[in-house]
Every structure is written in C-alpha cells, then in structure tokens.
Amino acid sequence: MVRPRQIRKFSLCVGLGLTLSSASLLFGEDWPTFRGPNRTAVVDDSKLLKSWPEEGPKLLWEGSGAGRGYSSLAIVGNMMYTLGDGLSTQKDADEYLSCFDKATGKQLWATKTGSPWTSGKPDWQNSRSTPTVDDGRVYVVTPEGQLVCCSATDGKVNWRKDFKKDFDGKKADGWGYSESVLVDGNKVICTPGGATSTVVALDKQSGETLWTCKNPDDRGAGHASVVITKLGNMKVYVQSTGSGLMGFSESGSLLWTYPVDKTTAIIPTPVIRDDLVFFVAGYNRGGALVKQVSSANGSVAIKEVYGLNNKLSNKHGGVVLVGEHLYGDSDSSGIPYCADFMTGTEKWKTRGSGKGSAVVIAGGDRLYIRFDNGIMALAEASPAEYKELGSFKIPGSGERPSWSHPVILDGKLYLREQDNILCYDIRG
C-alpha cells in the first residue's frame, strides 16, 4: 500500500533567517518526483555524515532490474519507481516502468510502456524521464512522448496520452522527451511542446484535457520539468522549453516569456525562490535571474535581475540553491562552481575528484556530486572554497555515463546505475 506523502517542516530556515518558500529545502519521508517534493534537489537533514570513510559510506543493498537509461528514482512509502529498457528481469528489450521495494531493492512489478529509445549515439539512448507519484498513481513520459498513468500499487495502466498525436507536440531537439510531469491538485501538467500545445493540463484521474497553454514562439519541448512559484496569493507555473523560460497561470494563460537564442538543447529545471526564477542552460548559454512582478489587473511581468552569464552554464547536471548561493557543474566539464544567487558573481570554480559532467544535489550543508565517470563525491556547501570530504566509485559504473540524479531520503543515498539500484547509509 502506498502511503500519502508526508513532509515535515524543518528548522534550518530559522538559523538562516529564511522562510520555507525562500529556502525551498524540504525533509520528508517521500521523494515523489524528479529533484524531490519541491523540485529543489535540496534536503535539510543535520544528521547526515559530515565526511565519508575512504571506501565510501556503507552499502546497505543492491537491486537489479531497472534496465538501461538515465531516469532517476521516485520514492513514496515503501516503493521506488523508475523507467528503463532492456531490463535484466525481462526477456525482451522493451521499455518498462518498474517498481522496487524500498527496504530491499527487490523488483515488485514491471509494466511495459513502449519500445526502447535507440535514436542517436549510444550514450544518448534509452529512457530518461523520472516518474511522478501522486495519490496512488504513477505518471511517466517515454522518450517517444507517451504519457502513461499507472496504478502505483500494481502497475496497471489507467490511461495514456501521445504528446505528438494527441497534442501535435514537438521537441526542440532530437533526444526524445525526458520531462517529469507535475501533479498539482487534480491537474497533471506536462509539456508536449511547440506552438499548438506548449503546455497542457490533464485531469489526473481520467487524462482528459483541462486546458492548453500556447506559446506561439515555442520551438518545442526541452527537458526541464514544471515548477511552481508564488506571487502573494497568485500561483504561477514556470517552465523552460527550447525557446527559453515561460510563466503561465493556473488556468493556462501565458503570462510572460524570457526568450533565448536557439541552442543545442535546454535541459536543467529552473531554480526558484519566492518570485525569483533562475534560468540556466548549457552549451555556453549560461544562467540568468528574473523577478516576477504582478500588477493590479492580474497581469505578471518579469524584470531581469541579471542577464545570461555564460560562467553559470549548466548542461544537464542541474543547479541547486543553498542559502544565498548556487552550486552546479560548469556546463558539462566536471568542474563545479559556486555563485552568488542575487548577482551571479562567481565565488569559486574548481575541478573535483571525478571526471566528465557532474550532477549536484544537496543535503544539509553538504553537496553530493555525481560525476560522469561514476565517482560519487561529498563536498562542503560553502562559498568560501571547494572542499571534498570523501568519494567512492559507484559499482557497475564506467560502461556508460553515470548521469542519473541521486536521491537522499531518510538518511540514505539512493543511486540508479543503469540496471542496478544501490542504497547507502549516510546517517551520521
């Protein structure tokens, strides 16, 4: 049985002098979607290990059957979910949404979602969308653009939609869909992309269309996932597509856009704090900060706090906000950086112990950095300097890029490495 999501407020905000919404740090029993409950990839937990032994933290268990791909994990109650193809537990090479026991890593069920994604170079192939779990249902998007809603308990398919056929969806690049849908109230909000159906809201139970948001200048969907911002009592959804940043209302009205020049791909999910939105993209595009401003008539505009700064470029590892500072990989170089959130001023930039692109998440006052070559590192989340406090080589890594985003939950570090899922004890 899947338990309802339980999230506990934390005390770090008091020490930092921040509100819950401005810090966007959560500590809870569930990690129901990509980058966690509020899509910040930041967890407050003061009881995590401050450093790691030479061999790394204790490995509690290792499971198999996740398949090929780069999907991360969604964890709700005692179940974990991911997407992959060519599972070691299946006889075919097709793609499956699979569920695992959180305590042991044993596969509980697997539901076929479609054929494997084999377009482009081998490193670009296979599944990449992280499932989203809500109210006894799990939603996942295949690279082909199939949005599938299944029962979270047994994997039975409830409904499915085709982004391309049903909504005339369009990708801005050739790498397939990888969004993790947002479930807000009764709505599933997703991004088919393009001028016709840039973003759509579906009824989470039936899949019926509730509204469509059209951006006539949209080049197509990127790889980011929708986040929620608040302006007083007003809720604004924010998404990055192949055309840049956009904000839209609860009813699907396009409120504002922040266009950027065409680039290879726009991948990272925006970083938010109250009415501020940090947009970032790779391929030397950079990061920019905009402030949303509402007017008496209900319209919303944006003001640029600072424009695109190519020193803040991030290709696909994501950027986190801890206190007043941003932390992320420099494009995909494996050289982490720290920058002031409000000014974009670089505090440090230095190479870590791993190589290749780096995924960054945060727990307490520590950064968890996963490098392309399978090195998992622990470092201080400090603007003073980059200081590593331990690292280890992820078992099974090396054959393909180690790109799946880590998860920190209840004192444990969960890593998906292609077909395998590993659980480490990082409780202090």
Protein backbone atom coordinates (compact mmCIF):
# COMPACT_ATOMS: atom_id res chain seq x y z
CA MET A 1 0.00 0.00 0.00
CA VAL A 2 1.33 3.46 -0.89
CA ARG A 3 1.20 5.90 1.99
CA PRO A 4 0.12 9.52 1.41
CA ARG A 5 3.03 11.88 1.10
CA GLN A 6 4.28 13.14 4.46
CA ILE A 7 6.54 16.17 4.57
CA ARG A 8 7.84 17.71 7.73
CA LYS A 9 8.88 21.35 8.01
CA PHE A 10 12.43 21.86 9.14
CA SER A 11 14.32 24.15 11.45
CA LEU A 12 17.29 25.20 9.30
CA CYS A 13 15.28 28.11 7.89
CA VAL A 14 15.23 29.75 11.28
CA GLY A 15 19.01 29.64 11.54
CA LEU A 16 19.43 31.03 8.02
CA GLY A 17 16.83 33.74 8.53
CA LEU A 18 14.84 32.44 5.57
CA THR A 19 11.24 31.44 5.02
CA LEU A 20 10.27 27.95 3.91
CA SER A 21 9.40 29.20 0.42
CA SER A 22 12.63 31.16 0.01
CA ALA A 23 14.88 28.35 1.21
CA SER A 24 12.92 25.65 -0.64
CA LEU A 25 14.56 22.95 1.47
CA LEU A 26 12.45 20.00 2.46
CA PHE A 27 12.98 16.97 4.63
CA GLY A 28 10.33 14.32 4.33
CA GLU A 29 9.55 10.67 4.10
CA ASP A 30 8.90 10.72 0.35
CA TRP A 31 10.71 11.80 -2.82
CA PRO A 32 7.75 11.60 -5.24
CA THR A 33 9.23 13.15 -8.38
CA PHE A 34 12.35 14.48 -10.08
CA ARG A 35 14.50 16.58 -7.70
CA GLY A 36 12.19 15.85 -4.76
CA PRO A 37 8.88 17.22 -3.43
CA ASN A 38 9.53 20.87 -4.40
CA ARG A 39 11.95 20.07 -7.23
CA THR A 40 14.84 21.79 -5.45
CA ALA A 41 17.13 18.72 -5.14
CA VAL A 42 17.89 20.02 -1.63
CA VAL A 43 17.10 18.20 1.63
CA ASP A 44 17.59 19.52 5.14
CA ASP A 45 18.91 16.82 7.42
CA SER A 46 21.51 17.77 10.04
CA LYS A 47 22.12 14.13 10.96
CA LEU A 48 23.87 13.08 7.75
CA LEU A 49 27.53 12.07 7.73
CA LYS A 50 29.84 15.10 7.61
CA SER A 51 32.55 13.09 5.85
CA TRP A 52 32.90 9.64 4.31
CA PRO A 53 35.39 6.89 5.10
CA GLU A 54 37.97 6.14 2.41
CA GLU A 55 35.87 3.30 0.97
CA GLY A 56 32.70 5.43 0.98
CA PRO A 57 29.53 5.04 3.06
CA LYS A 58 28.12 1.60 3.89
CA LEU A 59 26.27 -0.13 1.06
CA LEU A 60 23.02 -1.49 2.53
CA TRP A 61 21.71 -3.31 -0.53
CA GLU A 62 21.91 -3.54 -4.31
CA GLY A 63 18.93 -4.38 -6.52
CA SER A 64 18.65 -5.09 -10.23
CA GLY A 65 16.06 -4.86 -12.99
CA ALA A 66 15.96 -1.09 -13.62
CA GLY A 67 17.21 -1.50 -17.20
CA ARG A 68 19.21 0.84 -19.40
CA GLY A 69 18.65 4.56 -19.12
CA TYR A 70 19.13 7.68 -17.04
CA SER A 71 15.84 8.00 -15.18
CA SER A 72 16.23 8.79 -11.50
CA LEU A 73 14.07 7.33 -8.72
CA ALA A 74 10.71 8.39 -7.30
CA ILE A 75 10.14 7.02 -3.80
CA VAL A 76 6.80 7.03 -1.99
CA GLY A 77 6.03 4.93 1.06
CA ASN A 78 7.82 1.59 0.75
CA MET A 79 8.01 1.66 -3.06
CA MET A 80 10.52 3.04 -5.57
CA TYR A 81 9.82 3.69 -9.26
CA THR A 82 11.99 4.19 -12.33
CA LEU A 83 11.95 3.84 -16.12
CA GLY A 84 14.28 1.79 -18.30
CA ASP A 85 14.54 -0.62 -21.21
CA GLY A 86 16.24 -3.98 -21.64
CA LEU A 87 15.61 -4.93 -18.00
CA SER A 88 17.62 -7.88 -16.69
CA THR A 89 14.36 -9.23 -15.26
CA GLN A 90 12.59 -9.27 -18.66
CA LYS A 91 13.11 -11.39 -21.77
CA ASP A 92 12.70 -8.54 -24.28
CA ALA A 93 14.50 -5.23 -24.88
CA ASP A 94 11.39 -3.06 -24.47
CA GLU A 95 10.88 -0.18 -22.07
CA TYR A 96 9.24 -0.71 -18.67
CA LEU A 97 8.06 1.33 -15.73
CA SER A 98 9.27 -0.73 -12.79
CA CYS A 99 8.65 -0.73 -9.04
CA PHE A 100 11.00 -1.88 -6.30
CA ASP A 101 10.79 -2.49 -2.57
CA LYS A 102 12.44 0.42 -0.78
CA ALA A 103 13.84 -1.73 2.03
CA THR A 104 15.46 -4.46 -0.07
CA GLY A 105 15.68 -3.29 -3.71
CA LYS A 106 13.64 -6.30 -4.87
CA GLN A 107 11.60 -5.67 -8.01
CA LEU A 108 7.87 -5.87 -7.28
CA TRP A 109 6.42 -5.35 -10.77
CA ALA A 110 7.21 -4.02 -14.21
CA THR A 111 4.77 -2.56 -16.75
CA LYS A 112 5.69 -2.26 -20.43
CA THR A 113 5.45 1.35 -21.62
CA GLY A 114 6.81 1.08 -25.16
CA SER A 115 9.77 0.31 -27.38
CA PRO A 116 13.35 1.27 -26.45
CA TRP A 117 14.69 4.67 -27.50
CA THR A 118 17.61 3.97 -29.84
CA SER A 119 17.99 7.28 -31.65
CA GLY A 120 21.40 8.93 -31.86
CA LYS A 121 24.67 7.89 -30.28
CA PRO A 122 24.57 5.00 -27.75
CA ASP A 123 25.19 7.35 -24.81
CA TRP A 124 22.07 9.37 -25.73
CA GLN A 125 19.79 6.35 -25.99
CA ASN A 126 17.30 4.71 -23.64
CA SER A 127 14.86 6.05 -21.03
CA ARG A 128 15.38 9.27 -19.10
CA SER A 129 12.10 10.54 -17.53
CA THR A 130 11.78 10.17 -13.76
CA PRO A 131 8.28 9.00 -12.70
CA THR A 132 5.95 11.22 -10.65
CA VAL A 133 3.86 9.57 -7.91
CA ASP A 134 0.63 11.07 -6.52
CA ASP A 135 -2.48 9.73 -4.80
CA GLY A 136 -1.96 6.07 -5.68
CA ARG A 137 -0.93 6.74 -9.28
CA VAL A 138 2.41 6.93 -11.04
CA TYR A 139 2.94 9.01 -14.19
CA VAL A 140 5.86 8.70 -16.59
CA VAL A 141 6.80 10.09 -20.02
CA THR A 142 8.58 7.87 -22.53
CA PRO A 143 11.19 9.31 -24.93
CA GLU A 144 8.64 8.86 -27.73
CA GLY A 145 6.26 11.20 -25.90
CA GLN A 146 3.84 8.68 -24.40
CA LEU A 147 2.47 9.90 -21.05
CA VAL A 148 1.41 6.78 -19.15
CA CYS A 149 -0.62 6.75 -15.92
CA CYS A 150 -0.45 3.53 -13.92
CA SER A 151 -1.61 2.24 -10.57
CA ALA A 152 1.19 2.80 -8.08
CA THR A 153 0.42 -0.48 -6.33
CA ASP A 154 0.43 -2.98 -9.21
CA GLY A 155 1.38 -1.07 -12.38
CA LYS A 156 -1.96 -1.48 -14.13
CA VAL A 157 -2.31 1.13 -16.89
CA ASN A 158 -5.13 3.60 -16.20
CA TRP A 159 -4.71 5.81 -19.28
CA ARG A 160 -2.13 7.11 -21.72
CA LYS A 161 -1.71 10.13 -23.98
CA ASP A 162 0.51 10.65 -27.01
CA PHE A 163 2.16 14.09 -26.99
CA LYS A 164 2.67 14.06 -30.75
CA LYS A 165 -0.63 12.56 -31.94
CA ASP A 166 -2.97 13.99 -29.29
CA PHE A 167 -1.42 17.45 -28.94
CA ASP A 168 0.73 17.97 -32.03
CA GLY A 169 3.70 18.07 -29.66
CA LYS A 170 7.18 18.96 -30.81
CA LYS A 171 10.66 18.54 -29.35
CA ALA A 172 13.22 21.30 -29.77
CA ASP A 173 15.99 18.71 -30.14
CA GLY A 174 16.32 15.12 -31.27
CA TRP A 175 16.88 13.46 -27.89
CA GLY A 176 13.34 12.48 -27.01
CA TYR A 177 11.15 13.56 -24.10
CA SER A 178 12.50 13.38 -20.55
CA GLU A 179 10.18 15.62 -18.51
CA SER A 180 8.80 14.53 -15.15
CA VAL A 181 5.22 15.76 -15.08
CA LEU A 182 3.91 18.00 -12.30
CA VAL A 183 0.81 16.90 -10.39
CA ASP A 184 -0.88 19.86 -8.69
CA GLY A 185 -4.31 19.26 -7.17
CA ASN A 186 -6.39 17.47 -9.79
CA LYS A 187 -4.10 18.52 -12.65
CA VAL A 188 -1.26 16.72 -14.40
CA ILE A 189 0.78 19.48 -16.06
CA CYS A 190 3.06 18.41 -18.90
CA THR A 191 4.91 19.85 -21.88
CA PRO A 192 4.16 18.43 -25.35
CA GLY A 193 5.96 21.48 -26.76
CA GLY A 194 5.55 23.63 -29.85
CA ALA A 195 3.19 26.48 -30.71
CA THR A 196 -0.03 24.42 -30.63
CA SER A 197 0.19 22.80 -27.18
CA THR A 198 3.23 24.15 -25.43
CA VAL A 199 1.96 23.03 -22.02
CA VAL A 200 -1.26 21.17 -21.23
CA ALA A 201 -3.12 20.31 -18.03
CA LEU A 202 -4.90 16.95 -17.84
CA ASP A 203 -7.29 15.53 -15.29
CA LYS A 204 -5.09 13.29 -13.18
CA GLN A 205 -7.75 10.57 -12.90
CA SER A 206 -9.09 10.42 -16.46
CA GLY A 207 -6.41 12.06 -18.60
CA GLU A 208 -8.96 14.43 -20.13
CA THR A 209 -7.64 17.82 -21.23
CA LEU A 210 -8.47 20.66 -18.82
CA TRP A 211 -6.63 23.48 -20.59
CA THR A 212 -3.91 24.23 -23.12
CA CYS A 213 -1.26 26.94 -22.86
CA LYS A 214 0.07 28.13 -26.21
CA ASN A 215 3.32 29.98 -26.73
CA PRO A 216 3.24 30.89 -30.45
CA ASP A 217 7.03 31.31 -30.49
CA ASP A 218 7.88 28.00 -28.87
CA ARG A 219 10.45 25.89 -30.72
CA GLY A 220 9.48 22.74 -28.86
CA ALA A 221 9.83 20.98 -25.53
CA GLY A 222 13.17 20.91 -23.78
CA HIS A 223 13.96 18.52 -20.94
CA ALA A 224 13.03 20.55 -17.84
CA SER A 225 10.08 19.93 -15.52
CA VAL A 226 7.45 22.49 -14.47
CA VAL A 227 7.95 24.24 -11.10
CA ILE A 228 5.51 26.30 -9.00
CA THR A 229 6.17 29.89 -7.91
CA LYS A 230 4.04 32.20 -5.76
CA LEU A 231 3.39 35.93 -6.09
CA GLY A 232 1.40 36.75 -2.98
CA ASN A 233 -1.75 34.65 -3.33
CA MET A 234 -1.17 34.04 -7.02
CA LYS A 235 0.31 30.79 -8.28
CA VAL A 236 2.49 30.91 -11.39
CA TYR A 237 3.80 27.82 -13.14
CA VAL A 238 7.26 28.15 -14.71
CA GLN A 239 8.82 26.00 -17.40
CA SER A 240 11.89 26.04 -19.66
CA THR A 241 11.48 24.93 -23.28
CA GLY A 242 13.64 25.10 -26.37
CA SER A 243 12.74 28.79 -26.64
CA GLY A 244 13.68 29.78 -23.10
CA LEU A 245 11.69 30.48 -19.95
CA MET A 246 7.93 30.99 -19.66
CA GLY A 247 5.39 31.59 -16.90
CA PHE A 248 1.70 30.68 -17.05
CA SER A 249 -1.32 30.83 -14.77
CA GLU A 250 -3.36 28.13 -13.01
CA SER A 251 -5.87 28.38 -15.88
CA GLY A 252 -3.24 28.04 -18.58
CA SER A 253 -2.87 31.67 -19.64
CA LEU A 254 0.58 32.61 -20.88
CA LEU A 255 1.80 35.38 -18.55
CA TRP A 256 5.36 36.09 -19.67
CA THR A 257 8.30 34.73 -21.63
CA TYR A 258 12.07 35.09 -21.38
CA PRO A 259 13.30 34.06 -24.83
CA VAL A 260 16.84 32.87 -25.55
CA ASP A 261 18.65 32.25 -28.80
CA LYS A 262 18.34 28.78 -30.27
CA THR A 263 20.84 26.33 -28.80
CA THR A 264 21.54 22.61 -28.96
CA ALA A 265 19.25 21.75 -26.03
CA ILE A 266 17.77 23.30 -22.89
CA ILE A 267 17.77 20.74 -20.11
CA PRO A 268 18.02 21.92 -16.44
CA THR A 269 14.89 22.57 -14.38
CA PRO A 270 14.59 26.22 -13.23
CA VAL A 271 15.60 27.15 -9.69
CA ILE A 272 13.05 29.25 -7.78
CA ARG A 273 12.88 31.33 -4.62
CA ASP A 274 9.64 33.19 -3.97
CA ASP A 275 9.10 35.44 -7.03
CA LEU A 276 12.63 34.88 -8.38
CA VAL A 277 13.43 32.39 -11.15
CA PHE A 278 16.94 31.28 -12.12
CA PHE A 279 17.07 30.03 -15.70
CA VAL A 280 20.10 28.04 -16.79
CA ALA A 281 21.19 26.19 -19.92
CA GLY A 282 24.35 24.59 -21.22
CA TYR A 283 26.34 24.86 -24.43
CA ASN A 284 27.86 28.11 -23.16
CA ARG A 285 24.44 29.79 -22.83
CA GLY A 286 24.68 30.48 -19.09
CA GLY A 287 22.37 31.42 -16.24
CA ALA A 288 20.07 34.40 -15.73
CA LEU A 289 17.89 35.59 -12.85
CA VAL A 290 14.48 37.19 -13.38
CA LYS A 291 11.99 38.63 -10.92
CA GLN A 292 8.25 38.26 -11.44
CA VAL A 293 6.15 41.36 -10.79
CA SER A 294 2.36 41.34 -10.58
CA SER A 295 0.09 44.31 -11.31
CA ALA A 296 -3.31 45.35 -10.00
CA ASN A 297 -5.08 43.98 -13.09
CA GLY A 298 -3.69 40.50 -12.50
CA SER A 299 -1.04 40.54 -15.20
CA VAL A 300 2.51 39.43 -14.48
CA ALA A 301 5.70 40.79 -15.99
CA ILE A 302 9.36 39.98 -15.39
CA LYS A 303 12.36 42.15 -14.63
CA GLU A 304 15.86 40.94 -15.35
CA VAL A 305 17.98 40.92 -12.20
CA TYR A 306 20.96 39.85 -14.32
CA GLY A 307 21.15 38.52 -17.85
CA LEU A 308 22.71 35.36 -19.19
CA ASN A 309 26.12 34.80 -17.65
CA ASN A 310 28.00 32.07 -19.52
CA LYS A 311 30.14 31.35 -16.45
CA LEU A 312 26.98 29.81 -14.93
CA SER A 313 26.28 27.45 -17.85
CA ASN A 314 24.97 24.01 -16.90
CA LYS A 315 24.20 21.34 -19.46
CA HIS A 316 22.18 18.69 -17.63
CA GLY A 317 23.51 18.07 -14.11
CA GLY A 318 21.24 20.67 -12.53
CA VAL A 319 21.90 23.59 -10.18
CA VAL A 320 20.94 23.80 -6.50
CA LEU A 321 20.32 26.82 -4.28
CA VAL A 322 21.65 26.52 -0.72
CA GLY A 323 21.25 29.66 1.35
CA GLU A 324 22.32 32.54 -0.90
CA HIS A 325 24.49 30.55 -3.28
CA LEU A 326 24.10 28.45 -6.40
CA TYR A 327 26.10 25.25 -6.93
CA GLY A 328 26.39 23.33 -10.17
CA ASP A 329 28.68 21.93 -12.84
CA SER A 330 30.32 24.29 -15.32
CA ASP A 331 28.39 23.27 -18.43
CA SER A 332 29.36 19.56 -18.51
CA SER A 333 33.04 19.84 -17.66
CA GLY A 334 33.10 18.18 -14.25
CA ILE A 335 34.28 21.47 -12.74
CA PRO A 336 31.77 22.50 -10.04
CA TYR A 337 31.13 26.18 -9.38
CA CYS A 338 29.62 28.35 -6.65
CA ALA A 339 27.98 31.70 -7.43
CA ASP A 340 26.04 34.36 -5.57
CA PHE A 341 22.34 33.85 -6.31
CA MET A 342 21.37 37.53 -6.46
CA THR A 343 24.33 38.78 -8.51
CA GLY A 344 25.63 35.77 -10.43
CA THR A 345 29.14 36.56 -9.17
CA GLU A 346 31.38 33.51 -9.17
CA LYS A 347 32.77 32.56 -5.75
CA TRP A 348 34.84 29.58 -6.84
CA LYS A 349 35.22 27.12 -9.68
CA THR A 350 37.45 24.09 -9.35
CA ARG A 351 37.84 20.52 -10.54
CA GLY A 352 36.57 17.71 -8.31
CA SER A 353 37.83 14.16 -7.90
CA GLY A 354 35.70 12.82 -10.76
CA LYS A 355 35.67 13.49 -14.47
CA GLY A 356 33.02 14.43 -17.01
CA SER A 357 29.68 16.12 -16.40
CA ALA A 358 28.51 16.33 -12.79
CA VAL A 359 25.07 16.09 -11.16
CA VAL A 360 24.75 18.15 -7.96
CA ILE A 361 22.20 17.74 -5.17
CA ALA A 362 22.42 18.96 -1.57
CA GLY A 363 21.74 17.56 1.88
CA GLY A 364 22.13 19.76 4.92
CA ASP A 365 25.38 21.70 4.49
CA ARG A 366 26.87 19.19 2.07
CA LEU A 367 26.93 18.78 -1.71
CA TYR A 368 26.55 15.33 -3.26
CA ILE A 369 28.28 15.37 -6.64
CA ARG A 370 27.99 12.51 -9.10
CA PHE A 371 30.49 12.60 -11.94
CA ASP A 372 30.11 11.14 -15.42
CA ASN A 373 32.81 8.53 -14.75
CA GLY A 374 30.98 7.08 -11.72
CA ILE A 375 32.76 8.94 -8.94
CA MET A 376 30.37 9.98 -6.16
CA ALA A 377 31.80 12.82 -4.04
CA LEU A 378 30.81 14.62 -0.85
CA ALA A 379 31.79 18.29 -0.53
CA GLU A 380 31.05 21.30 1.66
CA ALA A 381 28.26 23.62 0.53
CA SER A 382 30.27 26.73 1.24
CA PRO A 383 31.04 29.85 -0.81
CA ALA A 384 34.49 30.03 0.79
CA GLU A 385 36.09 27.17 -1.13
CA TYR A 386 35.51 23.77 -2.71
CA LYS A 387 36.41 21.08 -0.20
CA GLU A 388 35.75 17.39 -0.76
CA LEU A 389 35.06 15.24 2.28
CA GLY A 390 35.13 11.80 0.67
CA SER A 391 34.40 9.97 -2.55
CA PHE A 392 33.91 6.47 -3.92
CA LYS A 393 33.47 4.69 -7.23
CA ILE A 394 29.88 3.58 -7.88
CA PRO A 395 29.81 -0.19 -8.50
CA GLY A 396 28.93 -1.06 -12.09
CA SER A 397 29.75 2.39 -13.43
CA GLY A 398 32.09 3.11 -16.29
CA GLU A 399 30.48 1.41 -19.28
CA ARG A 400 28.08 4.30 -19.88
CA PRO A 401 27.87 7.85 -18.47
CA SER A 402 26.77 7.95 -14.82
CA TRP A 403 24.04 10.54 -15.34
CA SER A 404 21.04 9.51 -13.19
CA HIS A 405 20.32 12.05 -10.45
CA PRO A 406 20.87 10.77 -6.87
CA VAL A 407 18.17 10.75 -4.18
CA ILE A 408 18.63 11.46 -0.46
CA LEU A 409 15.85 10.22 1.79
CA ASP A 410 15.69 9.34 5.49
CA GLY A 411 19.44 9.14 5.94
CA LYS A 412 20.02 7.05 2.83
CA LEU A 413 21.58 7.79 -0.53
CA TYR A 414 19.91 6.04 -3.48
CA LEU A 415 21.73 5.69 -6.79
CA ARG A 416 20.44 4.24 -10.04
CA GLU A 417 23.33 2.95 -12.19
CA GLN A 418 21.73 1.58 -15.36
CA ASP A 419 20.14 -1.79 -14.42
CA ASN A 420 21.20 -1.57 -10.78
CA ILE A 421 19.86 0.43 -7.82
CA LEU A 422 22.13 0.95 -4.82
CA CYS A 423 21.23 2.13 -1.32
CA TYR A 424 23.87 3.63 1.02
CA ASP A 425 23.65 4.51 4.70
CA ILE A 426 24.71 8.15 5.09
CA ARG A 427 23.23 8.73 8.53
CA GLY A 428 25.77 10.23 10.93
